[in-house]
Protein backbone atom coordinates (compact mmCIF):
# COMPACT_ATOMS: atom_id res chain seq x y z
CA MET A 1 22.88 93.05 85.68
CA LYS A 2 24.18 93.60 82.13
CA LYS A 3 24.25 97.31 82.63
CA ASN A 4 26.02 97.56 86.00
CA LEU A 5 28.73 95.23 84.50
CA ILE A 6 29.17 97.73 81.64
CA LEU A 7 29.23 100.77 84.22
CA LYS A 8 31.71 98.69 86.30
CA ASN A 9 33.91 97.90 83.14
CA PHE A 10 33.60 101.28 82.05
CA PHE A 11 34.65 103.03 85.20
CA ILE A 12 37.78 100.48 85.48
CA TYR A 13 38.77 101.60 82.19
CA PHE A 14 38.49 105.06 82.72
CA SER A 15 40.18 105.16 85.76
CA ALA A 16 43.07 103.19 84.28
CA LEU A 17 43.33 105.62 81.48
CA ILE A 18 43.37 108.93 83.90
CA VAL A 19 46.44 107.15 85.89
CA PHE A 20 48.19 106.26 82.55
CA LEU A 21 47.74 109.85 81.51
CA ILE A 22 48.84 111.46 84.91
CA MET A 23 52.05 108.91 84.78
CA PHE A 24 52.90 109.52 81.37
CA PHE A 25 52.64 113.33 81.27
CA PRO A 26 56.12 113.85 83.00
CA LEU A 27 57.87 111.34 80.59
CA TYR A 28 56.13 113.26 77.45
CA GLY A 29 57.21 116.39 78.81
CA LEU A 30 60.86 114.99 79.06
CA ILE A 31 60.60 113.59 75.37
CA LEU A 32 59.32 117.14 74.13
CA THR A 33 62.10 118.67 75.99
CA SER A 34 64.97 116.43 74.24
CA ILE A 35 63.61 116.98 70.84
CA GLN A 36 63.30 120.79 70.74
CA PRO A 37 65.96 123.73 70.38
CA GLU A 38 67.04 125.29 73.62
CA ASN A 39 65.50 128.81 72.91
CA ILE A 40 61.94 127.17 72.48
CA ILE A 41 62.71 124.97 75.73
CA ARG A 42 63.47 128.47 77.72
CA SER A 43 60.42 130.22 76.03
CA ARG A 44 57.52 131.14 78.00
CA ASN A 45 55.10 130.63 75.46
CA LEU A 46 54.66 126.58 76.52
CA SER A 47 53.08 124.31 73.92
CA PHE A 48 52.09 120.62 74.36
CA PHE A 49 53.11 119.76 70.65
CA PRO A 50 56.53 120.10 69.30
CA THR A 51 57.11 123.24 66.95
CA GLU A 52 60.22 122.10 65.79
CA ILE A 53 61.94 118.59 66.17
CA ILE A 54 65.84 118.35 66.40
CA PHE A 55 67.86 115.72 67.62
CA THR A 56 71.04 117.53 68.21
CA HIS A 57 70.95 117.20 71.96
CA PHE A 58 71.21 113.43 71.73
CA ALA A 59 74.20 113.78 69.42
CA GLU A 60 75.96 116.31 71.78
CA VAL A 61 75.55 114.26 74.80
CA LEU A 62 76.86 110.93 73.48
CA LYS A 63 80.37 112.78 72.43
CA PRO A 64 83.13 111.07 74.12
CA ASN A 65 84.23 114.88 75.04
CA HIS A 66 80.99 115.82 77.00
CA ILE A 67 81.00 116.80 80.29
CA SER A 68 78.77 114.21 81.53
CA ASN A 69 80.50 111.36 79.40
CA ILE A 70 77.02 109.56 79.31
CA TYR A 71 78.28 107.06 76.82
CA GLU A 72 80.93 105.78 79.38
CA GLY A 73 78.33 106.11 82.19
CA ILE A 74 75.99 103.78 80.58
CA LYS A 75 78.65 101.32 79.58
CA ASN A 76 79.70 101.34 83.26
CA SER A 77 76.05 101.07 84.49
CA LEU A 78 75.43 98.15 82.44
CA ILE A 79 78.34 96.18 83.73
CA VAL A 80 77.60 97.01 87.53
CA SER A 81 73.89 96.27 86.89
CA PHE A 82 74.41 93.13 84.96
CA LEU A 83 76.97 91.54 87.50
CA THR A 84 74.92 92.64 90.67
CA SER A 85 71.83 90.96 89.13
CA PHE A 86 73.94 87.84 88.24
CA LEU A 87 75.47 87.63 92.06
CA CYS A 88 72.02 88.26 93.39
CA ILE A 89 70.52 85.37 91.66
CA ILE A 90 73.39 82.93 92.58
CA LEU A 91 73.04 84.01 96.55
CA ALA A 92 69.44 84.21 96.52
CA PHE A 93 68.68 80.89 94.85
CA PRO A 94 69.71 78.77 97.56
CA ALA A 95 68.69 81.08 100.38
CA ALA A 96 65.14 81.22 99.20
CA TYR A 97 64.87 77.54 98.63
CA SER A 98 65.80 77.06 102.13
CA LEU A 99 63.33 79.56 103.61
CA ALA A 100 60.77 77.85 101.49
CA ARG A 101 61.33 74.59 102.19
CA LEU A 102 63.49 73.73 104.95
CA ASN A 103 62.20 73.59 108.31
CA LEU A 104 64.38 76.38 109.82
CA PRO A 105 63.84 77.72 113.31
CA ALA A 106 62.48 81.22 113.18
CA LYS A 107 62.65 81.37 109.35
CA ASN A 108 59.97 83.94 109.30
CA ILE A 109 61.77 86.14 111.64
CA ILE A 110 64.64 86.01 109.28
CA LEU A 111 62.81 86.79 106.16
CA GLY A 112 60.94 89.52 107.93
CA THR A 113 64.64 90.78 109.27
CA LEU A 114 65.82 90.86 105.73
CA ILE A 115 63.01 92.82 104.40
CA SER A 116 63.27 95.42 107.16
CA ILE A 117 66.50 96.42 105.86
CA TYR A 118 64.46 98.42 103.34
CA PHE A 119 63.02 100.54 106.27
CA LEU A 120 66.59 102.00 107.09
CA PRO A 121 67.84 104.90 105.18
CA THR A 122 70.67 104.02 102.61
CA ILE A 123 73.22 106.35 104.02
CA LEU A 124 73.59 103.88 107.43
CA PHE A 125 75.02 101.29 105.16
CA VAL A 126 76.99 103.47 102.94
CA ILE A 127 79.31 105.01 105.03
CA PRO A 128 80.73 101.75 106.85
CA LEU A 129 80.82 100.14 103.61
CA PHE A 130 82.69 103.20 102.06
CA VAL A 131 85.22 102.84 104.88
CA ILE A 132 85.93 99.22 104.42
CA LEU A 133 86.24 99.59 100.74
CA VAL A 134 88.83 102.54 101.16
CA SER A 135 90.58 100.70 103.68
CA TYR A 136 91.27 98.05 101.20
CA GLN A 137 91.89 100.19 98.29
CA LEU A 138 88.80 99.19 96.34
CA ASP A 139 87.00 102.36 96.06
CA ASP A 140 86.27 104.00 92.76
CA THR A 141 86.14 100.31 91.10
CA ILE A 142 83.33 98.31 89.45
CA LEU A 143 83.57 96.24 92.50
CA SER A 144 83.25 98.80 94.90
CA LEU A 145 79.31 99.15 93.50
CA VAL A 146 78.85 95.64 92.90
CA VAL A 147 79.28 94.51 96.56
CA PRO A 148 77.07 97.46 98.21
CA TYR A 149 74.53 97.05 95.15
CA THR A 150 74.38 93.33 96.00
CA ALA A 151 73.94 93.73 99.67
CA PHE A 152 71.18 96.04 99.31
CA THR A 153 69.32 94.38 96.61
CA LEU A 154 69.82 90.64 97.70
CA PRO A 155 66.96 90.56 100.55
CA PHE A 156 64.31 91.84 97.85
CA VAL A 157 65.44 89.04 95.36
CA ILE A 158 65.22 86.48 98.21
CA TRP A 159 61.70 87.59 98.82
CA ILE A 160 60.97 87.36 95.17
CA LEU A 161 62.37 83.78 94.79
CA LYS A 162 60.59 82.55 97.68
CA SER A 163 57.30 83.53 96.61
CA PHE A 164 57.64 81.53 93.52
CA ILE A 165 59.25 78.55 95.09
CA ASP A 166 56.11 78.51 97.69
CA LYS A 167 54.01 77.93 94.55
CA LEU A 168 55.98 75.02 93.34
CA PRO A 169 54.31 71.74 93.77
CA VAL A 170 56.44 69.86 96.59
CA GLU A 171 55.08 66.31 95.17
CA VAL A 172 57.58 67.02 92.23
CA GLU A 173 60.59 67.37 94.72
CA GLU A 174 59.28 64.41 96.66
CA ALA A 175 59.27 62.15 93.55
CA ALA A 176 62.64 63.35 92.54
CA LYS A 177 63.98 62.40 96.14
CA ILE A 178 62.61 58.96 95.72
CA ASP A 179 64.28 58.33 92.48
CA GLY A 180 67.63 59.31 94.14
CA CYS A 181 67.88 62.61 93.32
CA SER A 182 70.46 64.53 95.67
CA THR A 183 69.84 67.99 96.91
CA LEU A 184 72.22 69.56 94.65
CA GLN A 185 70.67 67.70 91.62
CA LEU A 186 67.28 68.70 92.72
CA LEU A 187 68.08 72.36 92.57
CA ILE A 188 69.98 72.27 89.36
CA HIS A 189 68.00 69.80 87.51
CA ILE A 190 64.39 70.25 88.95
CA ILE A 191 63.88 73.55 90.82
CA PHE A 192 65.83 75.85 88.41
CA PRO A 193 64.08 74.92 85.52
CA LEU A 194 60.54 75.19 87.16
CA LEU A 195 61.56 78.46 88.68
CA ARG A 196 62.84 80.24 85.39
CA PRO A 197 60.02 82.65 85.26
CA GLY A 198 61.08 83.92 88.92
CA LEU A 199 64.50 83.96 88.42
CA ILE A 200 64.01 85.99 85.10
CA ALA A 201 61.84 88.48 87.41
CA ALA A 202 64.15 88.61 90.11
CA PHE A 203 66.96 89.48 87.70
CA ILE A 204 65.06 92.29 86.03
CA PHE A 205 64.25 93.54 89.41
CA ALA A 206 67.81 93.52 90.63
CA PHE A 207 68.95 95.04 87.37
CA ILE A 208 66.39 98.16 87.78
CA LEU A 209 67.54 98.70 91.47
CA SER A 210 71.01 98.76 90.62
CA TRP A 211 70.43 101.09 87.38
CA VAL A 212 68.59 103.52 89.24
CA GLU A 213 70.71 103.86 92.30
CA PHE A 214 72.27 107.30 92.74
CA LEU A 215 73.76 107.72 96.43
CA THR A 216 75.84 104.95 96.35
CA PRO A 217 77.92 105.80 93.05
CA LEU A 218 77.96 109.25 94.02
CA ILE A 219 79.71 108.60 97.13
CA PHE A 220 82.00 105.47 96.12
CA THR A 221 83.29 106.78 92.73
CA ASN A 222 85.30 109.59 91.60
CA ASN A 223 86.77 108.80 88.16
CA LEU A 224 84.24 106.03 87.32
CA LYS A 225 81.40 106.95 85.55
CA ILE A 226 77.90 105.85 86.35
CA SER A 227 74.89 107.00 84.32
CA THR A 228 72.64 108.42 87.37
CA VAL A 229 75.80 110.55 88.60
CA ALA A 230 76.70 111.56 84.99
CA LEU A 231 73.32 113.02 84.77
CA GLY A 232 73.80 115.20 87.93
CA LEU A 233 77.03 116.52 86.31
CA PHE A 234 74.75 118.64 84.38
CA ARG A 235 74.24 120.84 87.25
CA SER A 236 77.79 121.45 87.73
CA THR A 237 78.15 123.68 84.70
CA ILE A 238 77.56 127.36 84.68
CA ASP A 239 75.03 127.30 81.99
CA ILE A 240 72.58 124.07 82.34
CA LYS A 241 71.78 122.62 78.98
CA ILE A 242 68.29 121.52 79.65
CA GLY A 243 67.70 119.93 76.25
CA GLN A 244 70.99 117.82 76.69
CA GLN A 245 70.06 116.89 80.09
CA ALA A 246 66.48 115.49 78.89
CA ALA A 247 68.16 113.55 76.07
CA ALA A 248 70.73 112.01 78.57
CA ALA A 249 67.77 111.17 80.73
CA ILE A 250 66.09 109.53 77.77
CA ILE A 251 69.16 107.59 76.82
CA THR A 252 69.36 106.19 80.46
CA LEU A 253 65.99 105.29 80.10
CA ILE A 254 66.53 102.76 77.15
CA PRO A 255 67.61 99.92 78.76
CA VAL A 256 65.18 99.92 81.67
CA THR A 257 62.32 100.33 79.09
CA ILE A 258 63.27 97.59 76.73
CA LEU A 259 63.39 95.04 79.77
CA MET A 260 59.93 96.37 81.06
CA ILE A 261 58.48 95.87 77.52
CA PHE A 262 59.94 92.36 76.86
CA PHE A 263 59.59 91.03 80.17
CA GLN A 264 56.32 92.85 81.58
CA GLN A 265 54.70 89.21 82.36
CA TYR A 266 57.44 88.30 84.58
CA ILE A 267 57.06 91.62 86.33
CA THR A 268 53.38 91.35 86.55
CA LYS A 269 53.70 87.89 88.37
CA VAL A 270 56.08 89.43 91.03
CA VAL A 271 53.53 92.35 91.60
CA LEU A 272 50.76 89.73 91.90
CA SER A 273 52.77 87.14 93.88
CA GLY A 274 51.03 87.75 97.21
CA SER A 275 47.34 88.15 95.95
CA ASP A 276 46.39 84.62 96.34
CA LYS A 277 47.39 84.53 100.18
C-alpha cells in the first residue's frame, strides 16, 4: 500500500514537472532573447544558455522616442485595465447576488446566456460598438476601450462572484435581516466583507483579460498607445529588432506576473470553485 502511494506521488510530481517545463520553455526562450545581442540572436548556432548578457534592449524600448512607445502603452493599459476591473466589480456584484440569492425566473438561462457570449467571435461585437463610439466621437479614447472591455469581461466576472456567493452561508444573511438589516446594508456590511476573496479574484481576472486584449484596441485606437498594439508595431519596421521585441514583451508581462505571484491563492479558488459541485 505504501509502495503504491509512493509510485502515485512520483507519477503526479513527475507529470507536473514535465508540464511545467513545457510551459516554461517559451518564456525562457523569450527571456534569453531579450538579454542577448542581436548578432547572437540571429546566429544559427543556437544555445540554451546565454553566452553574453546585455540589457540595452530594455533601455532602448523604454525610450520616449522609440517606435513602439511601450512606456506610454503600458501606462495607458494600466489605466484601462484598472478602470475596467473596477467597473466590472461594481456592476457584477449586485447582479451576481441577484442570480445567486433571489428567486428569479429562468435565472439559469440568464446565466447561461451571459456565459455563451464567449462562444461567439469578438469581431461580431467590436464592429457595432466601433460604429456607435465613432458616431459619438468617443473613439481613440480611454472610454472607447473601457466600455467594450467591460461588456466582454462582465459576464465572466458575474460567474466568478456568483460561484463565491453560492458558498456563503445563508443563515448569516437571514440573521442580519431578522436584526433589521436592509438589503443595501446587507450587501455593504455583510456580503461585501465575506466576499472579499472572490472580489479580489474577479478583479484580477478582469485585469488580466483587459491587459491581454489586442483586437479591440487595434480597431478602436489610433493615437492612443496600448501595450499589446505597441508590441505589434515592431512588425511595421523594415528591420525587426528581435531583441527589443522580446524585451518589450517581457516588460508587458511584469504587471500580470506580479498579480499572479501575490494573488495566486485567489486565482486557485476560482479555478477550483466548481470542483465540489
